[in-house]
Amino acid sequence: MSLSNNITAFLNFLAFMCSIPITAAGIWLASKPDNECIHWLRWPVVFIGIAIMLVSLAGFAGAYWKKEGLLGLYLVCMAILIILLLSLLILAFVVTRPSGAYSVPGRGYDEYRLGGYSSWLRNHITSSDSWGKIRACLADGDICPKLNNEFFTAEQFFAAHLSPLQSGCCKPPTICGYQYSNPTVWINPTNAAADGDCSVWNNDPSQLCYSCDSCKAGLLGNLRREWRKANLIMIITVVVLIWVYLIACSAYKNAQTEELFRRYKQGWV
């Protein structure tokens, strides 16, 4: 193998290694309870990570066996995948920037307003067309029931750092003035007209606050927190991937130059 092909093969190995944290971040996102209920949002990062892995292997094979056509295909496909990944990162950063969280005096957890999140998230996830299936999925899960095994007094519950989904869906808003009985049973509101969600709350385990705006906001809060964590990993990885890609392009051009020079010399022999 020529030096340029050796470099290209090594760079493709680095690109393959970059695909691992991207795929792992996608699997982590897909495993979260909220993402399990939003099917179209679960797998795009995983698919891109696997595609980068396969394209990197193809590029490595092309460099090792000096298949210029395969190397050219690798460069085109990798450029497309990097653009897709960058587009996904930019979209995720923009739509998860606003936050609907607000603190509540005397509580260890935040509560959430639906209007605080981006209109894109609200329109695509919490619209009436989508929420029915998401609501049913959340109600079938163990997000709220498991709280009854974790907290046994009001003091414990009020000091807890609940997830946005637990805070929004498993209890009524604090402003309603409901009295604590257990994490999913609340009685005798003192300010039932303070918020539209106050009248929606139901102690039925299949109802709770799954139809509340606070639950929709909690879901968006969970998505925001998880995607922003995953974005940190993917941003670092995509920077390395772009650097690797640019060097691979240069090495590919050098390999072509070496091949042309070799053929030129052979023509004069």
C-alpha atoms as a PDB file:
ATOM      1  CA  MET A   1       0.000   0.000   0.000  1.00  0.00           C
ATOM      2  CA  SER A   2       1.122   3.571  -0.715  1.00  0.00           C
ATOM      3  CA  LEU A   3       1.585   6.042   2.113  1.00  0.00           C
ATOM      4  CA  SER A   4      -1.611   7.911   1.135  1.00  0.00           C
ATOM      5  CA  ASN A   5      -3.631   4.691   1.159  1.00  0.00           C
ATOM      6  CA  ASN A   6      -2.173   3.789   4.549  1.00  0.00           C
ATOM      7  CA  ILE A   7      -3.228   7.174   5.886  1.00  0.00           C
ATOM      8  CA  THR A   8      -6.712   6.821   4.371  1.00  0.00           C
ATOM      9  CA  ALA A   9      -7.125   3.344   5.898  1.00  0.00           C
ATOM     10  CA  PHE A  10      -6.098   4.658   9.328  1.00  0.00           C
ATOM     11  CA  LEU A  11      -8.461   7.631   9.043  1.00  0.00           C
ATOM     12  CA  ASN A  12     -11.320   5.302   8.161  1.00  0.00           C
ATOM     13  CA  PHE A  13     -10.534   3.327  11.284  1.00  0.00           C
ATOM     14  CA  LEU A  14     -10.828   6.579  13.273  1.00  0.00           C
ATOM     15  CA  ALA A  15     -14.163   7.315  11.553  1.00  0.00           C
ATOM     16  CA  PHE A  16     -15.315   3.825  12.511  1.00  0.00           C
ATOM     17  CA  MET A  17     -14.380   4.563  16.138  1.00  0.00           C
ATOM     18  CA  CYS A  18     -16.312   7.864  15.955  1.00  0.00           C
ATOM     19  CA  SER A  19     -19.429   5.950  14.924  1.00  0.00           C
ATOM     20  CA  ILE A  20     -19.414   4.027  18.223  1.00  0.00           C
ATOM     21  CA  PRO A  21     -20.234   6.971  20.585  1.00  0.00           C
ATOM     22  CA  ILE A  22     -22.809   8.260  18.072  1.00  0.00           C
ATOM     23  CA  THR A  23     -24.551   4.874  17.983  1.00  0.00           C
ATOM     24  CA  ALA A  24     -24.254   4.535  21.771  1.00  0.00           C
ATOM     25  CA  ALA A  25     -25.820   7.982  22.284  1.00  0.00           C
ATOM     26  CA  GLY A  26     -28.661   6.998  19.951  1.00  0.00           C
ATOM     27  CA  ILE A  27     -29.270   3.727  21.825  1.00  0.00           C
ATOM     28  CA  TRP A  28     -29.238   5.623  25.138  1.00  0.00           C
ATOM     29  CA  LEU A  29     -31.832   8.078  23.816  1.00  0.00           C
ATOM     30  CA  ALA A  30     -33.984   5.275  22.388  1.00  0.00           C
ATOM     31  CA  SER A  31     -33.985   3.437  25.726  1.00  0.00           C
ATOM     32  CA  LYS A  32     -35.490   6.339  27.657  1.00  0.00           C
ATOM     33  CA  PRO A  33     -39.185   5.946  28.664  1.00  0.00           C
ATOM     34  CA  ASP A  34     -40.276   9.164  26.951  1.00  0.00           C
ATOM     35  CA  ASN A  35     -38.554   8.280  23.680  1.00  0.00           C
ATOM     36  CA  GLU A  36     -40.141   4.823  23.786  1.00  0.00           C
ATOM     37  CA  CYS A  37     -43.487   6.584  23.431  1.00  0.00           C
ATOM     38  CA  ILE A  38     -42.352   8.764  20.482  1.00  0.00           C
ATOM     39  CA  HIS A  39     -41.451   6.158  17.903  1.00  0.00           C
ATOM     40  CA  TRP A  40     -40.272   8.448  15.089  1.00  0.00           C
ATOM     41  CA  LEU A  41     -37.817  10.191  17.433  1.00  0.00           C
ATOM     42  CA  ARG A  42     -36.142   7.031  18.761  1.00  0.00           C
ATOM     43  CA  TRP A  43     -33.873   5.812  16.007  1.00  0.00           C
ATOM     44  CA  PRO A  44     -32.452   8.557  13.705  1.00  0.00           C
ATOM     45  CA  VAL A  45     -29.208   8.907  15.677  1.00  0.00           C
ATOM     46  CA  VAL A  46     -28.776   5.116  15.813  1.00  0.00           C
ATOM     47  CA  PHE A  47     -29.326   4.818  12.053  1.00  0.00           C
ATOM     48  CA  ILE A  48     -26.798   7.574  11.312  1.00  0.00           C
ATOM     49  CA  GLY A  49     -24.236   5.994  13.661  1.00  0.00           C
ATOM     50  CA  ILE A  50     -24.610   2.565  12.031  1.00  0.00           C
ATOM     51  CA  ALA A  51     -24.424   4.121   8.549  1.00  0.00           C
ATOM     52  CA  ILE A  52     -21.169   5.916   9.460  1.00  0.00           C
ATOM     53  CA  MET A  53     -19.812   2.610  10.757  1.00  0.00           C
ATOM     54  CA  LEU A  54     -20.626   0.773   7.511  1.00  0.00           C
ATOM     55  CA  VAL A  55     -19.345   3.566   5.261  1.00  0.00           C
ATOM     56  CA  SER A  56     -16.100   3.711   7.264  1.00  0.00           C
ATOM     57  CA  LEU A  57     -15.591  -0.020   6.774  1.00  0.00           C
ATOM     58  CA  ALA A  58     -16.185   0.409   3.047  1.00  0.00           C
ATOM     59  CA  GLY A  59     -13.615   3.231   2.968  1.00  0.00           C
ATOM     60  CA  PHE A  60     -11.104   1.108   4.866  1.00  0.00           C
ATOM     61  CA  ALA A  61     -11.583  -1.748   2.391  1.00  0.00           C
ATOM     62  CA  GLY A  62     -11.197   0.650  -0.538  1.00  0.00           C
ATOM     63  CA  ALA A  63      -7.942   2.047   0.869  1.00  0.00           C
ATOM     64  CA  TYR A  64      -6.535  -1.362   1.765  1.00  0.00           C
ATOM     65  CA  TRP A  65      -7.233  -2.949  -1.623  1.00  0.00           C
ATOM     66  CA  LYS A  66      -6.656   0.257  -3.613  1.00  0.00           C
ATOM     67  CA  LYS A  67     -10.220   0.438  -4.948  1.00  0.00           C
ATOM     68  CA  GLU A  68     -10.512   4.061  -6.080  1.00  0.00           C
ATOM     69  CA  GLY A  69     -14.190   3.690  -6.961  1.00  0.00           C
ATOM     70  CA  LEU A  70     -14.985   2.441  -3.450  1.00  0.00           C
ATOM     71  CA  LEU A  71     -12.958   5.268  -1.933  1.00  0.00           C
ATOM     72  CA  GLY A  72     -14.797   7.824  -4.044  1.00  0.00           C
ATOM     73  CA  LEU A  73     -18.146   6.350  -2.965  1.00  0.00           C
ATOM     74  CA  TYR A  74     -16.986   6.477   0.646  1.00  0.00           C
ATOM     75  CA  LEU A  75     -16.149  10.176   0.409  1.00  0.00           C
ATOM     76  CA  VAL A  76     -19.540  11.030  -1.123  1.00  0.00           C
ATOM     77  CA  CYS A  77     -21.527   8.944   1.378  1.00  0.00           C
ATOM     78  CA  MET A  78     -19.549  10.218   4.353  1.00  0.00           C
ATOM     79  CA  ALA A  79     -20.133  13.834   3.281  1.00  0.00           C
ATOM     80  CA  ILE A  80     -23.886  13.159   3.129  1.00  0.00           C
ATOM     81  CA  LEU A  81     -23.872  11.496   6.572  1.00  0.00           C
ATOM     82  CA  ILE A  82     -21.894  14.340   8.146  1.00  0.00           C
ATOM     83  CA  ILE A  83     -24.365  16.863   6.698  1.00  0.00           C
ATOM     84  CA  LEU A  84     -27.305  14.807   8.056  1.00  0.00           C
ATOM     85  CA  LEU A  85     -25.692  14.565  11.485  1.00  0.00           C
ATOM     86  CA  LEU A  86     -24.915  18.298  11.561  1.00  0.00           C
ATOM     87  CA  SER A  87     -28.486  19.096  10.515  1.00  0.00           C
ATOM     88  CA  LEU A  88     -29.831  16.874  13.293  1.00  0.00           C
ATOM     89  CA  LEU A  89     -27.539  18.504  15.851  1.00  0.00           C
ATOM     90  CA  ILE A  90     -28.524  22.028  14.782  1.00  0.00           C
ATOM     91  CA  LEU A  91     -32.230  21.138  14.869  1.00  0.00           C
ATOM     92  CA  ALA A  92     -31.884  19.511  18.296  1.00  0.00           C
ATOM     93  CA  PHE A  93     -29.963  22.511  19.648  1.00  0.00           C
ATOM     94  CA  VAL A  94     -32.482  25.051  18.335  1.00  0.00           C
ATOM     95  CA  VAL A  95     -35.665  23.261  19.427  1.00  0.00           C
ATOM     96  CA  THR A  96     -34.342  22.292  22.864  1.00  0.00           C
ATOM     97  CA  ARG A  97     -32.976  25.711  23.745  1.00  0.00           C
ATOM     98  CA  PRO A  98     -36.176  27.152  25.323  1.00  0.00           C
ATOM     99  CA  SER A  99     -37.149  25.669  28.692  1.00  0.00           C
ATOM    100  CA  GLY A 100     -40.539  25.657  30.377  1.00  0.00           C
ATOM    101  CA  ALA A 101     -39.138  24.760  33.812  1.00  0.00           C
ATOM    102  CA  TYR A 102     -39.816  26.934  36.837  1.00  0.00           C
ATOM    103  CA  SER A 103     -38.978  26.435  40.502  1.00  0.00           C
ATOM    104  CA  VAL A 104     -41.572  25.978  43.241  1.00  0.00           C
ATOM    105  CA  PRO A 105     -40.851  27.233  46.800  1.00  0.00           C
ATOM    106  CA  GLY A 106     -40.400  24.371  49.244  1.00  0.00           C
ATOM    107  CA  ARG A 107     -40.008  21.735  46.545  1.00  0.00           C
ATOM    108  CA  GLY A 108     -36.910  19.879  45.421  1.00  0.00           C
ATOM    109  CA  TYR A 109     -38.337  19.441  41.909  1.00  0.00           C
ATOM    110  CA  ASP A 110     -39.219  21.940  39.203  1.00  0.00           C
ATOM    111  CA  GLU A 111     -42.572  22.201  37.469  1.00  0.00           C
ATOM    112  CA  TYR A 112     -43.148  22.876  33.779  1.00  0.00           C
ATOM    113  CA  ARG A 113     -45.187  25.139  31.492  1.00  0.00           C
ATOM    114  CA  LEU A 114     -46.035  23.952  28.001  1.00  0.00           C
ATOM    115  CA  GLY A 115     -45.744  27.445  26.547  1.00  0.00           C
ATOM    116  CA  GLY A 116     -42.089  27.646  27.551  1.00  0.00           C
ATOM    117  CA  TYR A 117     -40.958  25.174  24.887  1.00  0.00           C
ATOM    118  CA  SER A 118     -40.406  25.678  21.190  1.00  0.00           C
ATOM    119  CA  SER A 119     -43.457  25.698  18.959  1.00  0.00           C
ATOM    120  CA  TRP A 120     -41.828  23.019  16.765  1.00  0.00           C
ATOM    121  CA  LEU A 121     -41.710  20.549  19.658  1.00  0.00           C
ATOM    122  CA  ARG A 122     -45.231  21.404  20.760  1.00  0.00           C
ATOM    123  CA  ASN A 123     -46.647  21.017  17.252  1.00  0.00           C
ATOM    124  CA  HIS A 124     -44.882  17.741  16.470  1.00  0.00           C
ATOM    125  CA  ILE A 125     -45.147  15.961  19.814  1.00  0.00           C
ATOM    126  CA  THR A 126     -47.990  17.352  21.925  1.00  0.00           C
ATOM    127  CA  SER A 127     -50.566  18.054  19.223  1.00  0.00           C
ATOM    128  CA  SER A 128     -53.978  16.408  19.568  1.00  0.00           C
ATOM    129  CA  ASP A 129     -53.122  14.026  16.730  1.00  0.00           C
ATOM    130  CA  SER A 130     -50.031  12.701  18.512  1.00  0.00           C
ATOM    131  CA  TRP A 131     -50.790  12.981  22.196  1.00  0.00           C
ATOM    132  CA  GLY A 132     -53.467  10.268  22.387  1.00  0.00           C
ATOM    133  CA  LYS A 133     -50.987   7.489  21.576  1.00  0.00           C
ATOM    134  CA  ILE A 134     -48.232   9.047  23.673  1.00  0.00           C
ATOM    135  CA  ARG A 135     -50.597   9.421  26.627  1.00  0.00           C
ATOM    136  CA  ALA A 136     -51.649   5.768  26.425  1.00  0.00           C
ATOM    137  CA  CYS A 137     -48.015   4.693  26.240  1.00  0.00           C
ATOM    138  CA  LEU A 138     -47.074   6.748  29.309  1.00  0.00           C
ATOM    139  CA  ALA A 139     -50.032   5.401  31.276  1.00  0.00           C
ATOM    140  CA  ASP A 140     -48.991   1.821  30.484  1.00  0.00           C
ATOM    141  CA  GLY A 141     -45.467   2.405  31.774  1.00  0.00           C
ATOM    142  CA  ASP A 142     -44.115   2.373  35.324  1.00  0.00           C
ATOM    143  CA  ILE A 143     -42.991   6.015  35.450  1.00  0.00           C
ATOM    144  CA  CYS A 144     -45.599   7.027  38.029  1.00  0.00           C
ATOM    145  CA  PRO A 145     -46.410   3.753  39.851  1.00  0.00           C
ATOM    146  CA  LYS A 146     -42.787   3.234  40.899  1.00  0.00           C
ATOM    147  CA  LEU A 147     -42.880   6.504  42.873  1.00  0.00           C
ATOM    148  CA  ASN A 148     -45.115   4.792  45.427  1.00  0.00           C
ATOM    149  CA  ASN A 149     -42.230   2.446  46.268  1.00  0.00           C
ATOM    150  CA  GLU A 150     -39.675   5.232  46.561  1.00  0.00           C
ATOM    151  CA  PHE A 151     -41.353   7.861  48.734  1.00  0.00           C
ATOM    152  CA  PHE A 152     -43.393   7.147  51.870  1.00  0.00           C
ATOM    153  CA  THR A 153     -43.872  10.605  53.423  1.00  0.00           C
ATOM    154  CA  ALA A 154     -44.797  14.020  52.091  1.00  0.00           C
ATOM    155  CA  GLU A 155     -41.443  15.390  53.292  1.00  0.00           C
ATOM    156  CA  GLN A 156     -39.539  12.810  51.269  1.00  0.00           C
ATOM    157  CA  PHE A 157     -41.609  13.464  48.184  1.00  0.00           C
ATOM    158  CA  PHE A 158     -41.427  17.258  48.350  1.00  0.00           C
ATOM    159  CA  ALA A 159     -37.621  17.122  48.728  1.00  0.00           C
ATOM    160  CA  ALA A 160     -37.183  14.693  45.826  1.00  0.00           C
ATOM    161  CA  HIS A 161     -35.520  15.625  42.540  1.00  0.00           C
ATOM    162  CA  LEU A 162     -38.230  14.285  40.255  1.00  0.00           C
ATOM    163  CA  SER A 163     -37.676  14.015  36.522  1.00  0.00           C
ATOM    164  CA  PRO A 164     -39.673  16.462  34.382  1.00  0.00           C
ATOM    165  CA  LEU A 165     -41.923  13.593  33.288  1.00  0.00           C
ATOM    166  CA  GLN A 166     -42.623  12.518  36.880  1.00  0.00           C
ATOM    167  CA  SER A 167     -43.235  16.081  38.004  1.00  0.00           C
ATOM    168  CA  GLY A 168     -45.592  16.877  35.147  1.00  0.00           C
ATOM    169  CA  CYS A 169     -47.555  13.628  34.813  1.00  0.00           C
ATOM    170  CA  CYS A 170     -47.631  11.921  38.214  1.00  0.00           C
ATOM    171  CA  LYS A 171     -48.973  14.717  40.426  1.00  0.00           C
ATOM    172  CA  PRO A 172     -51.140  17.840  40.114  1.00  0.00           C
ATOM    173  CA  PRO A 173     -49.515  21.290  39.847  1.00  0.00           C
ATOM    174  CA  THR A 174     -48.569  22.700  43.249  1.00  0.00           C
ATOM    175  CA  ILE A 175     -50.619  25.845  42.615  1.00  0.00           C
ATOM    176  CA  CYS A 176     -53.816  23.773  42.799  1.00  0.00           C
ATOM    177  CA  GLY A 177     -53.305  23.208  46.533  1.00  0.00           C
ATOM    178  CA  TYR A 178     -53.968  19.473  46.550  1.00  0.00           C
ATOM    179  CA  GLN A 179     -53.117  17.676  49.789  1.00  0.00           C
ATOM    180  CA  TYR A 180     -50.576  14.865  49.600  1.00  0.00           C
ATOM    181  CA  SER A 181     -51.798  11.349  50.395  1.00  0.00           C
ATOM    182  CA  ASN A 182     -49.159   9.402  48.492  1.00  0.00           C
ATOM    183  CA  PRO A 183     -47.110  10.200  45.344  1.00  0.00           C
ATOM    184  CA  THR A 184     -50.021   9.419  43.026  1.00  0.00           C
ATOM    185  CA  VAL A 185     -53.033  10.185  45.272  1.00  0.00           C
ATOM    186  CA  TRP A 186     -53.865  13.810  46.060  1.00  0.00           C
ATOM    187  CA  ILE A 187     -57.076  15.157  47.650  1.00  0.00           C
ATOM    188  CA  ASN A 188     -59.067  18.284  48.496  1.00  0.00           C
ATOM    189  CA  PRO A 189     -57.652  21.062  46.294  1.00  0.00           C
ATOM    190  CA  THR A 190     -57.770  24.500  47.918  1.00  0.00           C
ATOM    191  CA  ASN A 191     -57.305  26.491  44.713  1.00  0.00           C
ATOM    192  CA  ALA A 192     -58.967  24.353  42.033  1.00  0.00           C
ATOM    193  CA  ALA A 193     -59.489  27.266  39.630  1.00  0.00           C
ATOM    194  CA  ALA A 194     -55.841  28.390  39.638  1.00  0.00           C
ATOM    195  CA  ASP A 195     -54.859  26.297  36.614  1.00  0.00           C
ATOM    196  CA  GLY A 196     -56.676  24.358  33.925  1.00  0.00           C
ATOM    197  CA  ASP A 197     -54.811  21.214  34.950  1.00  0.00           C
ATOM    198  CA  CYS A 198     -56.324  21.347  38.440  1.00  0.00           C
ATOM    199  CA  SER A 199     -59.659  20.029  37.169  1.00  0.00           C
ATOM    200  CA  VAL A 200     -57.983  17.478  34.899  1.00  0.00           C
ATOM    201  CA  TRP A 201     -56.151  15.659  37.710  1.00  0.00           C
ATOM    202  CA  ASN A 202     -57.616  12.257  38.605  1.00  0.00           C
ATOM    203  CA  ASN A 203     -56.461   9.770  41.247  1.00  0.00           C
ATOM    204  CA  ASP A 204     -57.256   6.902  38.893  1.00  0.00           C
ATOM    205  CA  PRO A 205     -53.800   5.344  38.119  1.00  0.00           C
ATOM    206  CA  SER A 206     -54.690   5.234  34.427  1.00  0.00           C
ATOM    207  CA  GLN A 207     -55.617   8.938  34.418  1.00  0.00           C
ATOM    208  CA  LEU A 208     -53.491  10.939  36.910  1.00  0.00           C
ATOM    209  CA  CYS A 209     -52.304  14.022  35.004  1.00  0.00           C
ATOM    210  CA  TYR A 210     -51.591  12.290  31.677  1.00  0.00           C
ATOM    211  CA  SER A 211     -54.070  14.625  29.970  1.00  0.00           C
ATOM    212  CA  CYS A 212     -52.608  17.737  31.609  1.00  0.00           C
ATOM    213  CA  ASP A 213     -50.587  20.407  29.837  1.00  0.00           C
ATOM    214  CA  SER A 214     -48.073  19.963  32.640  1.00  0.00           C
ATOM    215  CA  CYS A 215     -47.565  16.341  31.537  1.00  0.00           C
ATOM    216  CA  LYS A 216     -46.963  17.439  27.949  1.00  0.00           C
ATOM    217  CA  ALA A 217     -44.508  20.040  29.252  1.00  0.00           C
ATOM    218  CA  GLY A 218     -42.831  17.394  31.429  1.00  0.00           C
ATOM    219  CA  LEU A 219     -42.364  15.142  28.412  1.00  0.00           C
ATOM    220  CA  LEU A 220     -40.744  18.003  26.489  1.00  0.00           C
ATOM    221  CA  GLY A 221     -38.603  18.780  29.541  1.00  0.00           C
ATOM    222  CA  ASN A 222     -37.380  15.189  29.621  1.00  0.00           C
ATOM    223  CA  LEU A 223     -36.625  15.243  25.897  1.00  0.00           C
ATOM    224  CA  ARG A 224     -34.783  18.532  26.252  1.00  0.00           C
ATOM    225  CA  ARG A 225     -32.601  17.262  29.096  1.00  0.00           C
ATOM    226  CA  GLU A 226     -31.754  13.968  27.373  1.00  0.00           C
ATOM    227  CA  TRP A 227     -31.059  15.439  23.935  1.00  0.00           C
ATOM    228  CA  ARG A 228     -28.833  18.156  25.336  1.00  0.00           C
ATOM    229  CA  LYS A 229     -26.740  15.506  27.124  1.00  0.00           C
ATOM    230  CA  ALA A 230     -26.485  13.444  23.941  1.00  0.00           C
ATOM    231  CA  ASN A 231     -25.630  16.568  21.923  1.00  0.00           C
ATOM    232  CA  LEU A 232     -22.449  17.129  23.949  1.00  0.00           C
ATOM    233  CA  ILE A 233     -21.161  13.692  22.957  1.00  0.00           C
ATOM    234  CA  MET A 234     -22.223  14.031  19.337  1.00  0.00           C
ATOM    235  CA  ILE A 235     -20.762  17.534  18.907  1.00  0.00           C
ATOM    236  CA  ILE A 236     -17.318  16.349  20.029  1.00  0.00           C
ATOM    237  CA  THR A 237     -17.594  13.280  17.806  1.00  0.00           C
ATOM    238  CA  VAL A 238     -18.737  15.164  14.706  1.00  0.00           C
ATOM    239  CA  VAL A 239     -15.871  17.671  15.054  1.00  0.00           C
ATOM    240  CA  VAL A 240     -13.407  14.757  15.061  1.00  0.00           C
ATOM    241  CA  LEU A 241     -15.290  13.160  12.160  1.00  0.00           C
ATOM    242  CA  ILE A 242     -15.100  16.326  10.045  1.00  0.00           C
ATOM    243  CA  TRP A 243     -11.376  16.640  10.757  1.00  0.00           C
ATOM    244  CA  VAL A 244     -10.851  12.992   9.776  1.00  0.00           C
ATOM    245  CA  TYR A 245     -12.929  13.466   6.620  1.00  0.00           C
ATOM    246  CA  LEU A 246     -10.946  16.512   5.441  1.00  0.00           C
ATOM    247  CA  ILE A 247      -7.653  14.703   5.910  1.00  0.00           C
ATOM    248  CA  ALA A 248      -9.083  11.650   4.115  1.00  0.00           C
ATOM    249  CA  CYS A 249     -10.017  13.867   1.144  1.00  0.00           C
ATOM    250  CA  SER A 250      -6.467  15.196   1.005  1.00  0.00           C
ATOM    251  CA  ALA A 251      -5.014  11.681   1.251  1.00  0.00           C
ATOM    252  CA  TYR A 252      -7.361  10.485  -1.510  1.00  0.00           C
ATOM    253  CA  LYS A 253      -6.155  13.276  -3.818  1.00  0.00           C
ATOM    254  CA  ASN A 254      -2.542  12.436  -2.998  1.00  0.00           C
ATOM    255  CA  ALA A 255      -3.197   8.778  -3.780  1.00  0.00           C
ATOM    256  CA  GLN A 256      -4.623   9.739  -7.173  1.00  0.00           C
ATOM    257  CA  THR A 257      -1.595  11.948  -7.842  1.00  0.00           C
ATOM    258  CA  GLU A 258       0.749   9.104  -6.907  1.00  0.00           C
ATOM    259  CA  GLU A 259      -1.118   6.749  -9.260  1.00  0.00           C
ATOM    260  CA  LEU A 260      -0.963   9.233 -12.143  1.00  0.00           C
ATOM    261  CA  PHE A 261       2.761   9.774 -11.546  1.00  0.00           C
ATOM    262  CA  ARG A 262       3.349   5.997 -11.464  1.00  0.00           C
ATOM    263  CA  ARG A 263       1.522   5.526 -14.775  1.00  0.00           C
ATOM    264  CA  TYR A 264       3.422   8.455 -16.289  1.00  0.00           C
ATOM    265  CA  LYS A 265       6.749   6.895 -15.332  1.00  0.00           C
ATOM    266  CA  GLN A 266       5.662   3.505 -16.712  1.00  0.00           C
ATOM    267  CA  GLY A 267       4.746   5.174 -19.996  1.00  0.00           C
ATOM    268  CA  TRP A 268       8.337   6.397 -20.367  1.00  0.00           C
ATOM    269  CA  VAL A 269       9.945   3.111 -19.506  1.00  0.00           C
END
